[in-house]
Protein backbone atom coordinates (compact mmCIF):
# COMPACT_ATOMS: atom_id res chain seq x y z
CA UNK A 1 97.83 110.52 150.74
CA UNK A 2 100.49 112.74 152.18
CA UNK A 3 101.56 110.32 154.87
CA UNK A 4 101.57 107.29 152.60
CA UNK A 5 103.78 108.42 149.79
CA UNK A 6 103.37 106.24 146.74
CA UNK A 7 101.58 102.98 147.26
CA UNK A 8 104.45 100.73 146.31
CA UNK A 9 106.71 102.67 148.60
CA UNK A 10 105.24 101.48 151.86
CA UNK A 11 102.90 98.56 151.63
CA UNK A 12 100.52 100.45 153.93
CA UNK A 13 97.87 103.15 153.78
CA UNK A 14 95.02 100.99 152.51
CA UNK A 15 96.02 99.76 149.05
CA UNK A 16 98.96 97.43 149.69
CA UNK A 17 97.31 95.97 152.82
CA UNK A 18 94.54 94.71 150.52
CA UNK A 19 97.13 92.77 148.56
CA UNK A 20 98.72 91.42 151.73
CA UNK A 21 95.39 90.00 152.86
CA UNK A 22 94.82 88.51 149.43
CA UNK A 23 98.21 86.92 149.15
CA UNK A 24 98.40 85.54 152.64
CA UNK A 25 94.96 84.07 152.28
CA UNK A 26 92.86 85.27 155.21
CA UNK A 27 92.33 88.44 157.26
CA UNK A 28 94.22 88.35 160.54
CA UNK A 29 91.15 88.31 162.78
CA UNK A 30 89.41 85.68 160.68
CA UNK A 31 92.60 83.63 160.53
CA UNK A 32 91.66 82.20 163.90
CA UNK A 33 88.90 80.30 162.12
CA UNK A 34 91.49 77.90 160.75
CA UNK A 35 92.05 76.56 164.25
CA UNK A 36 89.46 73.89 164.91
CA UNK A 37 88.81 72.23 168.26
CA UNK A 38 86.60 69.80 169.99
CA UNK A 39 83.38 70.37 171.96
CA UNK A 40 82.27 73.52 173.74
CA UNK A 41 82.76 73.69 177.46
CA UNK A 42 79.22 74.92 178.14
CA UNK A 43 77.88 73.88 181.57
CA UNK A 44 75.58 70.88 181.65
CA UNK A 45 72.83 72.77 183.45
CA UNK A 46 71.96 75.78 181.37
CA UNK A 47 69.82 78.58 182.72
CA UNK A 48 66.67 79.09 180.74
CA UNK A 49 67.22 81.82 178.16
CA UNK A 50 65.46 85.10 178.81
CA UNK A 51 62.43 85.71 176.69
CA UNK A 52 63.36 89.33 175.95
CA UNK A 53 66.30 90.30 173.80
CA UNK A 54 69.10 92.16 175.55
CA UNK A 55 68.95 94.64 172.71
CA UNK A 56 65.68 95.95 174.16
CA UNK A 57 67.48 96.73 177.38
CA UNK A 58 66.70 100.41 177.48
CA UNK A 59 62.98 99.82 177.20
CA UNK A 60 63.07 97.21 179.92
CA UNK A 61 65.22 99.38 182.15
CA UNK A 62 62.62 102.08 182.05
CA UNK A 63 60.08 99.52 183.22
CA UNK A 64 62.31 98.53 186.11
CA UNK A 65 62.87 102.11 187.15
CA UNK A 66 59.14 102.67 187.39
CA UNK A 67 58.56 99.53 189.45
CA UNK A 68 58.59 99.69 193.23
CA UNK A 69 60.28 96.77 195.03
CA UNK A 70 57.71 96.90 197.82
CA UNK A 71 54.88 96.25 195.40
CA UNK A 72 56.77 93.35 193.82
CA UNK A 73 57.47 91.41 197.00
CA UNK A 74 54.20 89.40 196.82
CA UNK A 75 55.21 88.18 193.38
CA UNK A 76 57.91 86.12 195.03
CA UNK A 77 55.20 83.59 195.98
CA UNK A 78 54.16 82.88 192.41
CA UNK A 79 54.92 79.18 192.75
CA UNK A 80 52.52 78.70 195.71
CA UNK A 81 48.97 77.84 194.57
CA UNK A 82 46.20 80.05 195.91
CA UNK A 83 43.30 78.01 197.39
CA UNK A 84 39.96 79.00 198.84
CA UNK A 85 39.63 76.10 201.25
CA UNK A 86 41.96 73.46 202.61
CA UNK A 87 39.10 70.92 202.35
CA UNK A 88 39.11 71.34 198.55
CA UNK A 89 42.80 70.59 198.13
CA UNK A 90 44.17 67.08 197.76
CA UNK A 91 47.36 66.40 199.62
CA UNK A 92 49.32 65.75 196.37
CA UNK A 93 48.33 69.24 195.12
CA UNK A 94 50.41 70.95 197.78
CA UNK A 95 53.94 71.50 196.47
CA UNK A 96 56.56 70.11 198.73
CA UNK A 97 59.38 72.39 199.77
CA UNK A 98 62.69 70.93 198.54
CA UNK A 99 64.99 69.87 201.32
CA UNK A 100 68.15 69.24 199.32
CA UNK A 101 70.35 72.42 199.23
CA UNK A 102 71.00 72.10 195.49
CA UNK A 103 67.29 71.64 194.76
CA UNK A 104 66.54 74.72 196.85
CA UNK A 105 69.14 76.67 194.90
CA UNK A 106 67.70 75.52 191.57
CA UNK A 107 64.20 76.50 192.71
CA UNK A 108 65.48 79.99 193.63
CA UNK A 109 67.18 80.23 190.26
CA UNK A 110 63.94 79.26 188.49
CA UNK A 111 62.06 81.99 190.33
CA UNK A 112 64.79 84.41 189.27
CA UNK A 113 64.37 83.34 185.66
CA UNK A 114 60.66 84.13 185.80
CA UNK A 115 61.36 87.60 187.19
CA UNK A 116 64.04 88.12 184.54
CA UNK A 117 61.66 87.25 181.73
CA UNK A 118 59.18 89.68 183.19
CA UNK A 119 61.73 92.50 183.24
CA UNK A 120 61.86 92.59 187.05
CA UNK A 121 65.63 92.42 187.25
CA UNK A 122 66.15 93.55 190.84
CA UNK A 123 63.93 90.73 192.13
CA UNK A 124 65.68 88.33 189.77
CA UNK A 125 69.00 89.38 191.33
CA UNK A 126 67.64 88.60 194.82
CA UNK A 127 66.62 85.13 193.71
CA UNK A 128 69.92 84.40 192.01
CA UNK A 129 71.74 85.64 195.12
CA UNK A 130 69.64 83.26 197.20
CA UNK A 131 70.58 80.43 194.88
CA UNK A 132 74.27 81.30 195.21
CA UNK A 133 74.07 81.41 199.01
CA UNK A 134 72.29 78.05 199.23
CA UNK A 135 74.20 76.10 196.58
CA UNK A 136 76.78 73.65 197.93
CA UNK A 137 80.35 74.72 197.18
CA UNK A 138 81.11 71.30 195.68
CA UNK A 139 78.79 72.09 192.74
CA UNK A 140 80.99 74.50 190.72
CA UNK A 141 79.10 74.17 187.44
CA UNK A 142 75.79 75.04 189.08
CA UNK A 143 77.33 77.92 191.01
CA UNK A 144 78.83 79.22 187.78
CA UNK A 145 75.37 79.14 186.20
CA UNK A 146 73.82 81.10 189.08
CA UNK A 147 76.56 83.75 188.92
CA UNK A 148 76.19 84.06 185.14
CA UNK A 149 72.42 84.45 185.50
CA UNK A 150 72.89 87.18 188.08
CA UNK A 151 75.42 88.84 185.77
CA UNK A 152 72.75 88.84 183.04
CA UNK A 153 70.35 90.67 185.36
CA UNK A 154 73.01 93.19 186.37
CA UNK A 155 73.71 93.65 182.67
CA UNK A 156 70.10 94.73 182.12
CA UNK A 157 70.60 97.36 184.83
CA UNK A 158 73.86 98.47 183.18
CA UNK A 159 75.86 97.71 186.32
CA UNK A 160 79.01 96.69 184.46
CA UNK A 161 81.16 96.36 187.60
CA UNK A 162 78.75 93.82 189.09
CA UNK A 163 78.46 92.01 185.74
CA UNK A 164 82.21 91.57 185.50
CA UNK A 165 82.52 90.46 189.14
CA UNK A 166 79.92 87.73 188.67
CA UNK A 167 81.43 86.66 185.35
CA UNK A 168 84.86 86.51 187.00
CA UNK A 169 83.48 84.11 189.58
CA UNK A 170 81.64 82.06 186.94
CA UNK A 171 84.77 81.70 184.80
CA UNK A 172 86.91 80.83 187.83
CA UNK A 173 84.44 78.05 188.60
CA UNK A 174 84.23 76.91 184.96
CA UNK A 175 86.94 78.29 182.67
CA UNK A 176 85.15 77.05 179.54
CA UNK A 177 81.82 78.72 180.30
CA UNK A 178 81.09 80.38 176.96
CA UNK A 179 78.17 82.55 178.13
CA UNK A 180 80.16 84.02 180.99
CA UNK A 181 83.21 84.65 178.81
CA UNK A 182 81.07 86.27 176.14
CA UNK A 183 79.24 88.50 178.62
CA UNK A 184 82.44 89.56 180.35
CA UNK A 185 84.06 90.39 177.01
CA UNK A 186 81.15 92.62 176.01
CA UNK A 187 81.07 94.35 179.39
CA UNK A 188 84.82 95.01 179.34
CA UNK A 189 84.46 96.47 175.87
CA UNK A 190 81.65 98.76 177.05
CA UNK A 191 83.82 99.96 179.93
CA UNK A 192 86.71 100.65 177.57
CA UNK A 193 84.59 102.67 175.17
CA UNK A 194 83.17 104.86 177.93
CA UNK A 195 86.52 106.40 178.86
CA UNK A 196 89.00 108.46 176.86
CA UNK A 197 92.04 107.23 178.77
CA UNK A 198 94.17 105.08 176.45
CA UNK A 199 95.77 103.18 179.35
CA UNK A 200 92.37 102.11 180.68
CA UNK A 201 91.18 101.22 177.20
CA UNK A 202 94.23 99.05 176.54
CA UNK A 203 93.84 97.20 179.85
CA UNK A 204 90.12 96.52 179.36
CA UNK A 205 90.36 95.62 175.68
CA UNK A 206 93.22 93.17 176.19
CA UNK A 207 91.09 91.28 178.71
CA UNK A 208 88.16 91.53 176.32
CA UNK A 209 90.22 90.13 173.45
CA UNK A 210 91.32 87.12 175.49
CA UNK A 211 87.72 86.37 176.46
CA UNK A 212 86.24 86.68 172.98
CA UNK A 213 89.13 84.64 171.54
CA UNK A 214 88.30 81.93 174.08
CA UNK A 215 84.67 82.05 172.98
CA UNK A 216 85.61 81.62 169.32
CA UNK A 217 87.86 78.67 170.09
CA UNK A 218 85.34 76.92 172.35
CA UNK A 219 82.55 77.37 169.80
CA UNK A 220 84.70 76.00 167.00
CA UNK A 221 84.45 79.36 165.18
CA UNK A 222 80.84 78.74 164.23
CA UNK A 223 79.32 82.12 165.12
CA UNK A 224 79.98 84.97 162.76
CA UNK A 225 79.04 87.61 165.33
CA UNK A 226 81.94 86.57 167.55
CA UNK A 227 84.45 86.54 164.67
CA UNK A 228 83.29 90.04 163.75
CA UNK A 229 83.69 91.12 167.36
CA UNK A 230 87.28 89.84 167.41
CA UNK A 231 88.04 91.95 164.36
CA UNK A 232 86.43 95.04 165.89
CA UNK A 233 88.19 94.62 169.24
CA UNK A 234 91.56 94.21 167.50
CA UNK A 235 91.03 97.51 165.68
CA UNK A 236 89.93 99.30 168.86
CA UNK A 237 92.78 97.86 170.91
CA UNK A 238 95.34 98.64 168.21
CA UNK A 239 94.04 102.21 167.97
CA UNK A 240 94.31 102.69 171.74
CA UNK A 241 97.82 101.22 171.90
CA UNK A 242 98.96 103.37 168.98
CA UNK A 243 97.55 106.48 170.64
CA UNK A 244 99.32 105.58 173.87
CA UNK A 245 102.62 104.74 172.15
CA UNK A 246 102.64 107.94 170.11
CA UNK A 247 102.85 110.02 173.29
CA UNK A 248 106.27 108.62 174.16
CA UNK A 249 107.49 107.78 170.67
CA UNK A 250 111.07 108.72 169.92
CA UNK A 251 111.82 110.53 166.63
CA UNK A 252 112.98 108.04 164.01
CA UNK A 253 113.70 109.13 160.45
CA UNK A 254 112.09 106.84 157.91
CA UNK A 255 114.20 105.27 155.18
CA UNK A 256 115.75 107.47 152.48
CA UNK A 257 113.86 105.48 149.91
CA UNK A 258 110.51 106.20 151.52
CA UNK A 259 111.32 109.91 151.73
CA UNK A 260 111.95 109.98 147.99
CA UNK A 261 108.71 108.10 147.36
CA UNK A 262 106.82 110.46 149.64
CA UNK A 263 107.73 113.52 147.59
CA UNK A 264 106.66 111.82 144.36
CA UNK A 265 103.08 111.87 145.63
CA UNK A 266 103.02 115.66 145.08
CA UNK A 267 103.22 117.47 141.78
CA UNK A 268 102.70 121.00 143.18
CA UNK A 269 104.70 120.96 146.41
CA UNK A 270 106.10 124.52 146.87
CA UNK A 271 109.44 123.24 148.14
CA UNK A 272 109.98 120.94 145.18
CA UNK A 273 108.79 123.64 142.80
CA UNK A 274 111.43 126.02 144.18
CA UNK A 275 114.13 123.41 143.57
CA UNK A 276 112.92 122.93 140.00
CA UNK A 277 113.00 126.68 139.32
CA UNK A 278 116.50 126.92 140.74
CA UNK A 279 117.79 124.16 138.47
CA UNK A 280 116.22 125.84 135.43
CA UNK A 281 117.49 129.36 136.22
CA UNK A 282 120.89 130.81 135.38
CA UNK A 283 123.19 131.20 138.38
CA UNK A 284 124.51 134.72 138.89
CA UNK A 285 128.09 134.17 140.01
CA UNK A 286 128.34 137.84 141.10
CA UNK A 287 125.67 137.42 143.71
CA UNK A 288 126.61 134.36 145.80
CA UNK A 289 124.07 133.02 148.27
CA UNK A 290 124.91 131.86 151.79
CA UNK A 291 123.69 128.27 152.06
CA UNK A 292 125.45 127.47 155.32
CA UNK A 293 122.50 128.10 157.61
CA UNK A 294 118.75 128.59 157.75
CA UNK A 295 116.26 127.52 155.12
CA UNK A 296 118.73 127.57 152.24
CA UNK A 297 121.00 125.19 154.15
CA UNK A 298 118.02 122.93 154.80
CA UNK A 299 117.16 122.96 151.13
CA UNK A 300 120.74 122.03 150.24
CA UNK A 301 120.45 119.08 152.62
CA UNK A 302 117.24 118.04 150.85
CA UNK A 303 118.95 118.17 147.44
CA UNK A 304 121.88 116.07 148.69
CA UNK A 305 119.61 113.60 150.58
CA UNK A 306 121.33 114.58 153.85
CA UNK A 307 118.06 114.52 155.72
CA UNK A 308 119.29 114.48 159.33
CA UNK A 309 120.24 118.18 159.31
CA UNK A 310 117.06 119.57 157.78
CA UNK A 311 115.01 120.20 160.95
CA UNK A 312 117.92 121.95 162.69
CA UNK A 313 118.49 124.36 159.81
CA UNK A 314 114.75 125.08 159.60
CA UNK A 315 114.81 125.90 163.33
CA UNK A 316 117.46 128.54 162.63
CA UNK A 317 115.35 130.24 159.95
CA UNK A 318 112.20 130.23 162.07
CA UNK A 319 113.94 131.45 165.24
CA UNK A 320 115.47 134.45 163.47
CA UNK A 321 112.17 135.13 161.68
CA UNK A 322 113.93 135.12 158.32
CA UNK A 323 112.23 135.98 155.05
CA UNK A 324 111.98 132.26 154.25
CA UNK A 325 110.50 131.28 157.63
CA UNK A 326 107.20 130.09 156.13
CA UNK A 327 108.99 127.81 153.68
CA UNK A 328 111.19 126.62 156.53
CA UNK A 329 108.14 125.86 158.66
CA UNK A 330 106.54 123.84 155.86
CA UNK A 331 109.74 121.88 155.30
CA UNK A 332 110.13 121.31 159.05
CA UNK A 333 106.53 120.10 159.31
CA UNK A 334 107.16 117.70 156.43
CA UNK A 335 110.17 116.21 158.18
CA UNK A 336 108.33 116.05 161.47
CA UNK A 337 105.92 113.79 159.59
CA UNK A 338 108.81 111.75 158.18
CA UNK A 339 110.38 111.42 161.65
CA UNK A 340 107.05 110.28 163.14
CA UNK A 341 106.49 113.43 165.21
CA UNK A 342 102.89 113.99 164.19
CA UNK A 343 101.93 116.40 166.99
CA UNK A 344 104.78 118.77 166.16
CA UNK A 345 103.93 118.51 162.48
CA UNK A 346 100.31 119.33 163.21
CA UNK A 347 101.35 122.45 165.15
CA UNK A 348 103.55 123.79 162.34
CA UNK A 349 100.96 123.08 159.67
CA UNK A 350 98.25 124.82 161.67
CA UNK A 351 100.41 127.94 162.10
CA UNK A 352 100.80 128.14 158.31
CA UNK A 353 97.13 127.45 157.61
CA UNK A 354 95.85 130.12 159.98
CA UNK A 355 98.23 132.85 158.78
CA UNK A 356 96.55 134.79 155.94
CA UNK A 357 99.88 136.36 155.00
CA UNK A 358 101.29 132.99 153.96
CA UNK A 359 101.06 132.30 150.23
CA UNK A 360 98.16 130.23 148.91
CA UNK A 361 100.34 127.40 147.57
CA UNK A 362 102.00 126.97 150.97
CA UNK A 363 98.70 127.03 152.85
CA UNK A 364 97.13 124.52 150.48
CA UNK A 365 100.08 122.16 150.78
CA UNK A 366 99.83 122.49 154.57
CA UNK A 367 96.10 121.72 154.43
CA UNK A 368 96.72 118.59 152.33
CA UNK A 369 99.35 117.32 154.75
CA UNK A 370 97.23 118.08 157.82
CA UNK A 371 94.22 116.39 156.24
CA UNK A 372 96.31 113.26 155.75
CA UNK A 373 97.49 113.41 159.36
CA UNK A 374 93.90 113.61 160.61
CA UNK A 375 92.84 110.48 158.75
CA UNK A 376 95.90 108.56 159.95
CA UNK A 377 95.70 109.39 163.64
CA UNK A 378 93.98 107.19 166.21
CA UNK A 379 91.87 109.61 168.18
CA UNK A 380 88.27 109.37 166.98
CA UNK A 381 87.29 107.13 164.03
CA UNK A 382 84.19 109.26 163.45
CA UNK A 383 85.61 112.77 163.78
CA UNK A 384 88.99 112.13 162.15
CA UNK A 385 87.56 111.69 158.62
CA UNK A 386 85.36 114.76 159.14
CA UNK A 387 88.39 116.88 160.06
CA UNK A 388 90.32 115.49 157.12
CA UNK A 389 87.66 116.22 154.52
CA UNK A 390 87.07 119.68 156.02
CA UNK A 391 90.72 120.52 155.32
CA UNK A 392 90.48 119.21 151.77
CA UNK A 393 87.36 121.30 151.18
CA UNK A 394 89.13 124.37 152.51
CA UNK A 395 92.05 123.66 150.18
CA UNK A 396 89.69 123.44 147.20
CA UNK A 397 88.25 126.84 148.08
CA UNK A 398 91.75 128.36 148.10
CA UNK A 399 93.14 126.66 145.00
CA UNK A 400 90.53 124.67 143.02
CA UNK A 401 92.96 123.87 140.21
CA UNK A 402 95.53 122.17 142.44
CA UNK A 403 95.79 118.50 141.39
CA UNK A 404 97.46 117.46 144.67
CA UNK A 405 94.25 118.15 146.58
CA UNK A 406 92.21 115.70 144.54
CA UNK A 407 94.94 113.08 144.38
CA UNK A 408 95.39 112.95 148.15
CA UNK A 409 91.67 113.21 148.87
CA UNK A 410 91.19 110.30 146.48
CA UNK A 411 93.70 108.33 148.55
CA UNK A 412 91.67 109.02 151.68
CA UNK A 413 88.45 107.95 149.97
CA UNK A 414 90.19 104.76 148.88
CA UNK A 415 91.46 104.13 152.41
CA UNK A 416 87.92 104.23 153.84
CA UNK A 417 86.45 102.22 150.93
CA UNK A 418 84.60 105.08 149.25
CA UNK A 419 85.70 103.87 145.83
CA UNK A 420 83.28 105.88 143.69
CA UNK A 421 84.32 109.13 145.36
CA UNK A 422 87.95 108.15 144.95
CA UNK A 423 87.40 107.68 141.21
CA UNK A 424 85.90 111.17 140.90
CA UNK A 425 88.88 112.73 142.67
CA UNK A 426 91.52 110.80 140.71
CA UNK A 427 89.78 111.74 137.45
CA UNK A 428 89.94 115.40 138.48
CA UNK A 429 93.62 115.16 139.41
CA UNK A 430 94.50 113.57 136.07
CA UNK A 431 92.40 116.11 134.15
CA UNK A 432 94.32 118.95 135.83
CA UNK A 433 97.74 117.28 135.49
CA UNK A 434 97.72 114.66 132.68
CA UNK A 435 101.44 114.03 133.21
CA UNK A 436 101.16 113.38 136.98
CA UNK A 437 102.15 109.67 136.87
CA UNK A 438 101.20 108.61 140.41
CA UNK A 439 97.70 110.07 140.11
CA UNK A 440 97.28 108.49 136.68
CA UNK A 441 98.05 104.94 137.82
CA UNK A 442 96.11 105.35 141.07
CA UNK A 443 93.11 106.24 138.92
CA UNK A 444 93.61 103.06 136.86
CA UNK A 445 93.96 100.95 139.98
CA UNK A 446 90.79 102.40 141.49
CA UNK A 447 88.91 101.87 138.21
CA UNK A 448 89.97 98.24 138.40
CA UNK A 449 88.83 97.88 142.01
CA UNK A 450 85.39 99.26 141.16
CA UNK A 451 84.97 97.09 138.05
CA UNK A 452 86.22 93.96 139.77
CA UNK A 453 83.82 94.44 142.67
CA UNK A 454 80.75 94.38 140.40
CA UNK A 455 82.12 91.79 137.97
CA UNK A 456 82.45 94.20 135.03
CA UNK A 457 84.85 92.11 132.94
CA UNK A 458 84.78 94.50 129.99
CA UNK A 459 86.09 97.38 132.12
CA UNK A 460 88.62 95.08 133.81
CA UNK A 461 90.08 94.14 130.43
CA UNK A 462 90.09 97.79 129.38
CA UNK A 463 92.01 98.80 132.52
CA UNK A 464 94.56 96.04 131.95
CA UNK A 465 95.24 97.51 128.51
CA UNK A 466 95.51 101.03 129.90
CA UNK A 467 98.08 99.88 132.45
CA UNK A 468 100.28 98.69 129.62
CA UNK A 469 99.87 102.08 127.95
CA UNK A 470 100.78 103.78 131.26
CA UNK A 471 104.04 101.82 131.40
CA UNK A 472 104.91 103.15 127.95
CA UNK A 473 103.95 106.69 128.99
CA UNK A 474 105.60 106.68 132.44
CA UNK A 475 108.46 104.16 132.20
CA UNK A 476 110.31 105.69 135.18
CA UNK A 477 107.35 105.61 137.58
CA UNK A 478 107.70 102.57 139.83
CA UNK A 479 104.07 102.94 140.92
CA UNK A 480 102.96 101.96 137.43
CA UNK A 481 104.70 98.59 137.64
CA UNK A 482 103.70 97.97 141.25
CA UNK A 483 99.98 98.67 140.85
CA UNK A 484 99.79 96.83 137.52
CA UNK A 485 101.41 93.84 139.26
CA UNK A 486 98.82 93.98 142.04
CA UNK A 487 96.02 93.91 139.49
CA UNK A 488 97.62 90.96 137.67
CA UNK A 489 98.06 89.18 140.99
CA UNK A 490 94.37 89.67 141.73
CA UNK A 491 93.62 88.18 138.29
CA UNK A 492 95.79 85.19 139.30
CA UNK A 493 98.26 86.02 136.56
CA UNK A 494 101.07 85.30 138.99
CA UNK A 495 103.98 84.97 136.56
CA UNK A 496 103.05 88.23 134.83
CA UNK A 497 102.70 89.94 138.20
CA UNK A 498 106.18 88.81 139.22
CA UNK A 499 107.55 90.10 135.92
CA UNK A 500 106.11 93.55 136.61
CA UNK A 501 107.61 93.63 140.10
CA UNK A 502 110.99 92.72 138.61
CA UNK A 503 110.58 95.45 136.00
CA UNK A 504 109.84 97.91 138.80
CA UNK A 505 113.04 96.83 140.57
CA UNK A 506 115.04 97.79 137.48
CA UNK A 507 113.55 101.30 137.69
CA UNK A 508 114.01 101.59 141.47
CA UNK A 509 116.72 99.22 142.63
CA UNK A 510 116.33 100.27 146.28
CA UNK A 511 112.60 99.50 146.54
CA UNK A 512 112.48 96.79 149.19
CA UNK A 513 108.69 96.62 149.14
CA UNK A 514 108.73 95.19 145.62
CA UNK A 515 110.74 92.24 146.94
CA UNK A 516 108.13 91.71 149.66
CA UNK A 517 105.38 91.73 147.06
CA UNK A 518 107.34 89.18 145.01
CA UNK A 519 107.48 86.99 148.10
CA UNK A 520 103.73 87.21 148.46
CA UNK A 521 103.28 86.21 144.83
CA UNK A 522 105.47 83.13 145.40
CA UNK A 523 103.38 82.27 148.46
CA UNK A 524 100.03 82.65 146.75
CA UNK A 525 100.94 81.17 143.39
CA UNK A 526 102.81 78.08 144.53
CA UNK A 527 102.61 77.99 148.31
CA UNK A 528 106.40 78.34 148.25
CA UNK A 529 107.06 79.50 151.80
CA UNK A 530 110.83 79.08 151.55
CA UNK A 531 111.04 81.29 148.45
CA UNK A 532 108.70 83.86 149.98
CA UNK A 533 110.80 84.12 153.14
CA UNK A 534 114.00 84.31 151.09
CA UNK A 535 112.70 87.26 149.06
CA UNK A 536 111.42 89.08 152.14
CA UNK A 537 114.73 88.58 153.95
CA UNK A 538 116.41 90.09 150.87
CA UNK A 539 114.14 93.09 151.26
CA UNK A 540 115.40 93.60 154.82
CA UNK A 541 119.00 93.36 153.62
CA UNK A 542 118.20 96.09 151.12
CA UNK A 543 116.33 98.28 153.62
CA UNK A 544 116.54 97.43 157.30
CA UNK A 545 113.72 99.93 157.97
CA UNK A 546 111.23 98.10 155.75
CA UNK A 547 108.24 97.82 158.08
CA UNK A 548 106.26 95.99 155.39
CA UNK A 549 108.83 93.15 155.36
CA UNK A 550 108.68 92.60 159.13
CA UNK A 551 104.89 92.70 159.08
CA UNK A 552 104.63 90.19 156.25
CA UNK A 553 107.14 87.79 157.81
CA UNK A 554 105.20 88.01 161.05
CA UNK A 555 101.94 87.19 159.30
CA UNK A 556 103.56 84.16 157.65
CA UNK A 557 104.85 82.97 161.03
CA UNK A 558 101.33 83.26 162.48
CA UNK A 559 100.05 80.92 159.78
CA UNK A 560 102.92 78.53 160.40
CA UNK A 561 101.99 78.41 164.08
CA UNK A 562 105.16 80.17 165.23
CA UNK A 563 103.34 82.77 167.31
CA UNK A 564 106.25 83.83 169.51
CA UNK A 565 108.43 84.47 166.47
CA UNK A 566 105.56 86.39 164.86
CA UNK A 567 105.29 88.64 167.92
CA UNK A 568 109.03 89.40 167.73
CA UNK A 569 108.64 90.44 164.09
CA UNK A 570 105.61 92.63 164.77
CA UNK A 571 107.55 94.29 167.59
CA UNK A 572 110.28 95.17 165.11
CA UNK A 573 107.75 96.60 162.66
CA UNK A 574 105.87 98.82 165.14
CA UNK A 575 108.61 101.46 165.73
CA UNK A 576 109.09 101.75 161.96
CA UNK A 577 105.45 102.49 161.15
CA UNK A 578 105.05 105.94 159.64
CA UNK A 579 101.62 106.77 161.08
CA UNK A 580 99.46 105.98 164.09
CA UNK A 581 97.06 104.15 161.79
CA UNK A 582 99.79 101.79 160.63
CA UNK A 583 100.95 101.37 164.23
CA UNK A 584 97.41 100.44 165.23
CA UNK A 585 97.27 97.82 162.49
CA UNK A 586 100.56 96.29 163.66
CA UNK A 587 99.55 96.34 167.33
CA UNK A 588 96.38 94.49 166.30
CA UNK A 589 98.40 91.77 164.55
CA UNK A 590 100.62 91.38 167.59
CA UNK A 591 97.70 91.35 170.02
CA UNK A 592 95.93 88.62 168.03
CA UNK A 593 99.00 86.38 168.28
CA UNK A 594 99.47 87.13 171.99
CA UNK A 595 95.81 86.38 172.73
CA UNK A 596 96.08 82.99 171.03
CA UNK A 597 99.09 82.07 173.15
CA UNK A 598 97.43 83.21 176.38
CA UNK A 599 94.12 81.50 175.67
CA UNK A 600 95.65 78.21 174.54
CA UNK A 601 97.65 78.11 177.76
CA UNK A 602 94.59 78.84 179.92
CA UNK A 603 92.45 76.24 178.18
CA UNK A 604 95.22 73.65 177.93
CA UNK A 605 94.95 73.48 174.14
CA UNK A 606 97.71 73.24 171.55
CA UNK A 607 96.92 75.40 168.55
CA UNK A 608 97.76 73.76 165.21
CA UNK A 609 99.49 75.58 162.38
CA UNK A 610 97.29 76.98 159.63
CA UNK A 611 98.56 74.92 156.77
CA UNK A 612 101.55 76.71 155.23
C-alpha cells in the first residue's frame, strides 16, 4: 500500500502488526484478561430482570408511544385484590400496606418491574421514582438499584441523558455496581457515535472505556461480550483521537530509511522511471540543464537523499506553472504523505486526477496514492474502503496493465482481511511484472496466510520452498528475508526466523525494524525479556524515528505491569506514525493502559503484571 511502503520497513499497515500480536502473546484489548480479581461488586438486592430483551427496544417503544398514560393509571392498583363483597373476604386476605420506608420503596420498585416487563416504561419510571423518593438515604445499595432500574426504563425510551444521570448516581452510591457501569458505558458509546465531532467522541468514549474496563475487572473477565466491547471501543476511541490529532499535527519527515522503502513498493512510479531513463541516457554536455530550482532541483534532492528541500523546490515549479508542474505536484504530494500532511497530499493528488491533460501514468500513480490515503484515514470505517476501491477501479480503467495498481490494492485487501481477494491481486501484479520483488514475496506471504488459516499443510510446505527460491531470485530485496522470517516464526521455527532477520540486516544495515522483529523472536521463543529489550533499544539507536520500536517496547511494559512507562513509550510513538490509521492504533494502546491505571485507582485494586 502506498502509505505503508514495504512491510518490513514499518512494522505497521496490517501485516507486521499480526506478527507483533503473535510474538507478544495476546491482543492488547484481550490482554486485560490476564488480570484476575476477586468477587464482583454486584449489589445484594438485585432488581428482577426484565422479561423482554433490550434488543427488541424499537418494537416496545412503538407500543409505549401508542399507549396513553391516562388509560394506564388504573393499572397502578394491580396489587390490590378486587372483591365483590367485604363479607366474603377474610381479614388475612387483605394485603397490609407496608409501614417501613424501605419496604414501601421495595414495593414501589416491584410495581415498576411489572410495568417494565409489560413494556409500560413511563409508568415504570414513576414507580422507580417513587421508590427513590421513599428510600432512606442510609440504604445506598438499595438506592443504587432503584436508580439503575429507572435508568433501564429510560434506556428503553432512548433518553440517554437520563440514563447516564441515573447511572452516575447509582455508581456514586455503589462504585462496583456492574449493571450500572455496563449500562452507562453503552449509553456513552451511543452518544459518541451519534455525533461527528471528534472532541465529543473522545470525551464520551474515554468515559465509556473506563466503565467497560471496570466491568471486565469486576466480572473477572468471564463475559466475552464485554471483552469484545473493550476492543471495539479502543478502536473507535483511537480513530477519534487520531482524527482530532491530525488537524493540528506538525509536519515531520519520516526516516530516510522508510522513504527508501516506500519507493520500493512501486515499480511504475513516473518519478522513479524518469530517474532511471536519465541514468541510462547519454548526457549532452552542450546542452546543460539548470537544476538549481524548480522540479529539476527537487529531483536532484531526491537522488541525493536530501529530502528536506524537495517540497520547496516543487512549490517553485508549480507557482511558475512550469512545464514540469504536474510532475512537481506528484512529487510534492508524495512528500506531503511522507511528512504526515495527508490533507495537503489529498488536495494535490485530486488536482492531478481530475485534470484530463495530465498523462495517464501520473494520474494512475495519483489514484493509487489517494486510494491508500483513503483506507488509512480515520473518518468513516464504512465509506473509507469504498472510496479507496473506487480509486483503484478507476486506475484499472485507465491503465489495466499497471502492476502497481494490483499490488497496492492487494495490500488494502490484506489490511481488511480479504485474503482471497488479496491473492488474486498479487497474482495479477506478479503476472504483469515477474521481476517486481516486493509484489512477489507479498504474494507468497498471502498464500501462506490463506493456507495456514485452513490447515493446508501441503501448500504451507510448498510456500516455504518458494520463499527459499525467492531469496535466490531477489537476494537484495529485504522484504524477502523479512516475510520469510515471519512465516518461520509463525511455524515456531524461531532460530531459522532469527537467521533470516540477520540475513536481511546484511542486505539493509539501516533497517531498524528487523532488530525489533528479532527482539520479538527472542521474547516468543525463550521468554527472554532482557534480550528482547536490548535488541529493540539497538533499533532506536539505529533509527530514533522507529515508531515500531517504541510501540513494541510499550507493549512489553504493559505486560510487565509498568503501565506508566508504557504510556510514555506510546506517546513517543504517536508523533512518528505515518498514517492516521497507525496513530489510531497507538492511541488505542495508550488508552488501554491509561484506563487500567484509572480504574485500578478508583476500585482500590493493584493490577498484577502479566507474567513476563
